[in-house]
Amino acid sequence: MRAPSHPGLNLETIVSRDGYYSIRVNRQWRILLRREGENHFTAIEVGSHAIYR
């Protein structure tokens, strides 16, 4: 990801899971990411807010 802090991504830390983040696709869908490096993330799952649990 070139600019993970870009405001359009709405990158958020998942507090309950160290090293995990989410980005907002739209009002319903989120992508759960695991940080692999400074600007390198792996997509883990796509789903609703329920993926945080």
PDB file of N, CA and C in Angstrom:
ATOM      1  N   MET A   1       0.857  -1.158   0.000  1.00  0.00           N
ATOM      2  CA  MET A   1       0.000   0.000   0.000  1.00  0.00           C
ATOM      3  C   MET A   1       0.906   1.224   0.000  1.00  0.00           C
ATOM      4  N   ARG A   2       0.749   2.075  -0.964  1.00  0.00           N
ATOM      5  CA  ARG A   2       1.631   3.247  -1.075  1.00  0.00           C
ATOM      6  C   ARG A   2       1.436   4.241   0.053  1.00  0.00           C
ATOM      7  N   ALA A   3       0.196   4.489   0.406  1.00  0.00           N
ATOM      8  CA  ALA A   3      -0.093   5.506   1.426  1.00  0.00           C
ATOM      9  C   ALA A   3      -1.160   4.986   2.383  1.00  0.00           C
ATOM     10  N   PRO A   4      -0.775   4.130   3.331  1.00  0.00           N
ATOM     11  CA  PRO A   4      -1.772   3.564   4.235  1.00  0.00           C
ATOM     12  C   PRO A   4      -2.514   4.607   5.059  1.00  0.00           C
ATOM     13  N   SER A   5      -1.927   5.772   5.224  1.00  0.00           N
ATOM     14  CA  SER A   5      -2.596   6.805   6.021  1.00  0.00           C
ATOM     15  C   SER A   5      -3.525   7.685   5.187  1.00  0.00           C
ATOM     16  N   HIS A   6      -3.691   7.365   3.895  1.00  0.00           N
ATOM     17  CA  HIS A   6      -4.584   8.159   3.041  1.00  0.00           C
ATOM     18  C   HIS A   6      -5.980   8.167   3.659  1.00  0.00           C
ATOM     19  N   PRO A   7      -6.590   9.341   3.843  1.00  0.00           N
ATOM     20  CA  PRO A   7      -7.882   9.427   4.527  1.00  0.00           C
ATOM     21  C   PRO A   7      -9.006   8.652   3.842  1.00  0.00           C
ATOM     22  N   GLY A   8      -8.915   8.411   2.552  1.00  0.00           N
ATOM     23  CA  GLY A   8      -9.956   7.666   1.853  1.00  0.00           C
ATOM     24  C   GLY A   8     -10.023   6.203   2.249  1.00  0.00           C
ATOM     25  N   LEU A   9      -8.938   5.667   2.809  1.00  0.00           N
ATOM     26  CA  LEU A   9      -8.913   4.267   3.229  1.00  0.00           C
ATOM     27  C   LEU A   9      -9.529   4.059   4.606  1.00  0.00           C
ATOM     28  N   ASN A  10      -9.520   5.105   5.416  1.00  0.00           N
ATOM     29  CA  ASN A  10     -10.014   4.988   6.792  1.00  0.00           C
ATOM     30  C   ASN A  10      -9.345   3.827   7.522  1.00  0.00           C
ATOM     31  N   LEU A  11      -8.028   3.758   7.437  1.00  0.00           N
ATOM     32  CA  LEU A  11      -7.266   2.705   8.102  1.00  0.00           C
ATOM     33  C   LEU A  11      -7.420   2.851   9.607  1.00  0.00           C
ATOM     34  N   GLU A  12      -7.831   1.768  10.259  1.00  0.00           N
ATOM     35  CA  GLU A  12      -8.026   1.784  11.713  1.00  0.00           C
ATOM     36  C   GLU A  12      -7.321   0.591  12.336  1.00  0.00           C
ATOM     37  N   THR A  13      -6.742   0.802  13.503  1.00  0.00           N
ATOM     38  CA  THR A  13      -6.125  -0.271  14.265  1.00  0.00           C
ATOM     39  C   THR A  13      -7.204  -1.118  14.920  1.00  0.00           C
ATOM     40  N   ILE A  14      -7.032  -2.432  14.879  1.00  0.00           N
ATOM     41  CA  ILE A  14      -7.931  -3.330  15.597  1.00  0.00           C
ATOM     42  C   ILE A  14      -7.306  -3.531  16.977  1.00  0.00           C
ATOM     43  N   VAL A  15      -7.874  -2.909  17.967  1.00  0.00           N
ATOM     44  CA  VAL A  15      -7.287  -2.876  19.311  1.00  0.00           C
ATOM     45  C   VAL A  15      -7.145  -4.276  19.903  1.00  0.00           C
ATOM     46  N   SER A  16      -8.110  -5.142  19.660  1.00  0.00           N
ATOM     47  CA  SER A  16      -8.103  -6.471  20.269  1.00  0.00           C
ATOM     48  C   SER A  16      -7.169  -7.455  19.567  1.00  0.00           C
ATOM     49  N   ARG A  17      -6.568  -7.048  18.434  1.00  0.00           N
ATOM     50  CA  ARG A  17      -5.696  -7.955  17.679  1.00  0.00           C
ATOM     51  C   ARG A  17      -4.431  -7.205  17.273  1.00  0.00           C
ATOM     52  N   ASP A  18      -3.347  -7.461  17.962  1.00  0.00           N
ATOM     53  CA  ASP A  18      -2.083  -6.772  17.712  1.00  0.00           C
ATOM     54  C   ASP A  18      -1.611  -6.997  16.274  1.00  0.00           C
ATOM     55  N   GLY A  19      -1.279  -5.905  15.571  1.00  0.00           N
ATOM     56  CA  GLY A  19      -0.779  -5.992  14.211  1.00  0.00           C
ATOM     57  C   GLY A  19      -1.852  -6.081  13.145  1.00  0.00           C
ATOM     58  N   TYR A  20      -3.120  -5.961  13.553  1.00  0.00           N
ATOM     59  CA  TYR A  20      -4.231  -6.044  12.602  1.00  0.00           C
ATOM     60  C   TYR A  20      -4.896  -4.683  12.442  1.00  0.00           C
ATOM     61  N   TYR A  21      -5.381  -4.444  11.225  1.00  0.00           N
ATOM     62  CA  TYR A  21      -6.000  -3.171  10.866  1.00  0.00           C
ATOM     63  C   TYR A  21      -7.212  -3.449  10.000  1.00  0.00           C
ATOM     64  N   SER A  22      -8.028  -2.428   9.811  1.00  0.00           N
ATOM     65  CA  SER A  22      -9.137  -2.555   8.871  1.00  0.00           C
ATOM     66  C   SER A  22      -9.185  -1.320   7.993  1.00  0.00           C
ATOM     67  N   ILE A  23      -9.701  -1.506   6.787  1.00  0.00           N
ATOM     68  CA  ILE A  23     -10.014  -0.382   5.916  1.00  0.00           C
ATOM     69  C   ILE A  23     -11.477  -0.510   5.518  1.00  0.00           C
ATOM     70  N   ARG A  24     -12.086   0.621   5.292  1.00  0.00           N
ATOM     71  CA  ARG A  24     -13.507   0.671   4.970  1.00  0.00           C
ATOM     72  C   ARG A  24     -13.692   0.633   3.457  1.00  0.00           C
ATOM     73  N   VAL A  25     -14.453  -0.352   2.980  1.00  0.00           N
ATOM     74  CA  VAL A  25     -14.798  -0.440   1.563  1.00  0.00           C
ATOM     75  C   VAL A  25     -15.981   0.476   1.295  1.00  0.00           C
ATOM     76  N   ASN A  26     -16.992   0.358   2.136  1.00  0.00           N
ATOM     77  CA  ASN A  26     -18.185   1.213   2.089  1.00  0.00           C
ATOM     78  C   ASN A  26     -18.817   1.173   3.475  1.00  0.00           C
ATOM     79  N   ARG A  27     -20.056   1.596   3.600  1.00  0.00           N
ATOM     80  CA  ARG A  27     -20.684   1.638   4.930  1.00  0.00           C
ATOM     81  C   ARG A  27     -20.875   0.248   5.530  1.00  0.00           C
ATOM     82  N   GLN A  28     -20.947  -0.775   4.698  1.00  0.00           N
ATOM     83  CA  GLN A  28     -21.208  -2.131   5.187  1.00  0.00           C
ATOM     84  C   GLN A  28     -19.952  -2.993   5.276  1.00  0.00           C
ATOM     85  N   TRP A  29     -19.077  -2.926   4.302  1.00  0.00           N
ATOM     86  CA  TRP A  29     -17.969  -3.869   4.176  1.00  0.00           C
ATOM     87  C   TRP A  29     -16.637  -3.305   4.659  1.00  0.00           C
ATOM     88  N   ARG A  30     -15.857  -4.194   5.280  1.00  0.00           N
ATOM     89  CA  ARG A  30     -14.518  -3.876   5.769  1.00  0.00           C
ATOM     90  C   ARG A  30     -13.547  -4.937   5.261  1.00  0.00           C
ATOM     91  N   ILE A  31     -12.282  -4.562   5.160  1.00  0.00           N
ATOM     92  CA  ILE A  31     -11.225  -5.515   4.845  1.00  0.00           C
ATOM     93  C   ILE A  31     -10.299  -5.574   6.049  1.00  0.00           C
ATOM     94  N   LEU A  32     -10.114  -6.769   6.583  1.00  0.00           N
ATOM     95  CA  LEU A  32      -9.217  -6.989   7.711  1.00  0.00           C
ATOM     96  C   LEU A  32      -7.822  -7.243   7.155  1.00  0.00           C
ATOM     97  N   LEU A  33      -6.839  -6.506   7.669  1.00  0.00           N
ATOM     98  CA  LEU A  33      -5.460  -6.580   7.188  1.00  0.00           C
ATOM     99  C   LEU A  33      -4.519  -6.947   8.320  1.00  0.00           C
ATOM    100  N   ARG A  34      -3.429  -7.639   7.970  1.00  0.00           N
ATOM    101  CA  ARG A  34      -2.348  -7.890   8.924  1.00  0.00           C
ATOM    102  C   ARG A  34      -1.121  -7.161   8.394  1.00  0.00           C
ATOM    103  N   ARG A  35      -0.509  -6.368   9.236  1.00  0.00           N
ATOM    104  CA  ARG A  35       0.681  -5.600   8.824  1.00  0.00           C
ATOM    105  C   ARG A  35       1.876  -6.540   8.735  1.00  0.00           C
ATOM    106  N   GLU A  36       2.563  -6.487   7.595  1.00  0.00           N
ATOM    107  CA  GLU A  36       3.744  -7.321   7.347  1.00  0.00           C
ATOM    108  C   GLU A  36       5.019  -6.487   7.317  1.00  0.00           C
ATOM    109  N   GLY A  37       4.875  -5.181   7.142  1.00  0.00           N
ATOM    110  CA  GLY A  37       6.006  -4.263   7.063  1.00  0.00           C
ATOM    111  C   GLY A  37       5.472  -2.848   7.105  1.00  0.00           C
ATOM    112  N   GLU A  38       6.358  -1.877   6.946  1.00  0.00           N
ATOM    113  CA  GLU A  38       5.940  -0.480   7.078  1.00  0.00           C
ATOM    114  C   GLU A  38       4.761  -0.127   6.172  1.00  0.00           C
ATOM    115  N   ASN A  39       4.833  -0.474   4.912  1.00  0.00           N
ATOM    116  CA  ASN A  39       3.746  -0.197   3.968  1.00  0.00           C
ATOM    117  C   ASN A  39       3.248  -1.473   3.301  1.00  0.00           C
ATOM    118  N   HIS A  40       3.420  -2.611   3.958  1.00  0.00           N
ATOM    119  CA  HIS A  40       3.019  -3.891   3.381  1.00  0.00           C
ATOM    120  C   HIS A  40       1.998  -4.563   4.297  1.00  0.00           C
ATOM    121  N   PHE A  41       0.829  -4.838   3.737  1.00  0.00           N
ATOM    122  CA  PHE A  41      -0.254  -5.473   4.475  1.00  0.00           C
ATOM    123  C   PHE A  41      -0.737  -6.693   3.704  1.00  0.00           C
ATOM    124  N   THR A  42      -1.233  -7.690   4.422  1.00  0.00           N
ATOM    125  CA  THR A  42      -1.865  -8.852   3.810  1.00  0.00           C
ATOM    126  C   THR A  42      -3.343  -8.812   4.147  1.00  0.00           C
ATOM    127  N   ALA A  43      -4.193  -8.940   3.117  1.00  0.00           N
ATOM    128  CA  ALA A  43      -5.640  -8.990   3.344  1.00  0.00           C
ATOM    129  C   ALA A  43      -5.982 -10.356   3.927  1.00  0.00           C
ATOM    130  N   ILE A  44      -6.669 -10.352   5.060  1.00  0.00           N
ATOM    131  CA  ILE A  44      -7.016 -11.578   5.761  1.00  0.00           C
ATOM    132  C   ILE A  44      -8.458 -11.983   5.493  1.00  0.00           C
ATOM    133  N   GLU A  45      -9.352 -11.006   5.500  1.00  0.00           N
ATOM    134  CA  GLU A  45     -10.774 -11.318   5.363  1.00  0.00           C
ATOM    135  C   GLU A  45     -11.532 -10.068   4.919  1.00  0.00           C
ATOM    136  N   VAL A  46     -12.624 -10.281   4.211  1.00  0.00           N
ATOM    137  CA  VAL A  46     -13.540  -9.213   3.816  1.00  0.00           C
ATOM    138  C   VAL A  46     -14.884  -9.536   4.428  1.00  0.00           C
ATOM    139  N   GLY A  47     -15.502  -8.556   5.074  1.00  0.00           N
ATOM    140  CA  GLY A  47     -16.808  -8.797   5.681  1.00  0.00           C
ATOM    141  C   GLY A  47     -17.337  -7.559   6.371  1.00  0.00           C
ATOM    142  N   SER A  48     -18.382  -7.752   7.154  1.00  0.00           N
ATOM    143  CA  SER A  48     -18.995  -6.664   7.910  1.00  0.00           C
ATOM    144  C   SER A  48     -18.180  -6.414   9.179  1.00  0.00           C
ATOM    145  N   HIS A  49     -18.693  -5.565  10.046  1.00  0.00           N
ATOM    146  CA  HIS A  49     -18.009  -5.303  11.322  1.00  0.00           C
ATOM    147  C   HIS A  49     -17.813  -6.582  12.129  1.00  0.00           C
ATOM    148  N   ALA A  50     -18.561  -7.623  11.850  1.00  0.00           N
ATOM    149  CA  ALA A  50     -18.449  -8.886  12.583  1.00  0.00           C
ATOM    150  C   ALA A  50     -17.069  -9.523  12.429  1.00  0.00           C
ATOM    151  N   ILE A  51     -16.302  -9.163  11.400  1.00  0.00           N
ATOM    152  CA  ILE A  51     -14.973  -9.763  11.229  1.00  0.00           C
ATOM    153  C   ILE A  51     -14.017  -9.346  12.334  1.00  0.00           C
ATOM    154  N   TYR A  52     -14.352  -8.313  13.088  1.00  0.00           N
ATOM    155  CA  TYR A  52     -13.489  -7.868  14.182  1.00  0.00           C
ATOM    156  C   TYR A  52     -13.556  -8.796  15.386  1.00  0.00           C
ATOM    157  N   ARG A  53     -14.541  -9.623  15.433  1.00  0.00           N
ATOM    158  CA  ARG A  53     -14.751 -10.476  16.618  1.00  0.00           C
ATOM    159  C   ARG A  53     -14.046 -11.797  16.498  1.00  0.00           C
TER     160      ARG A  53
END
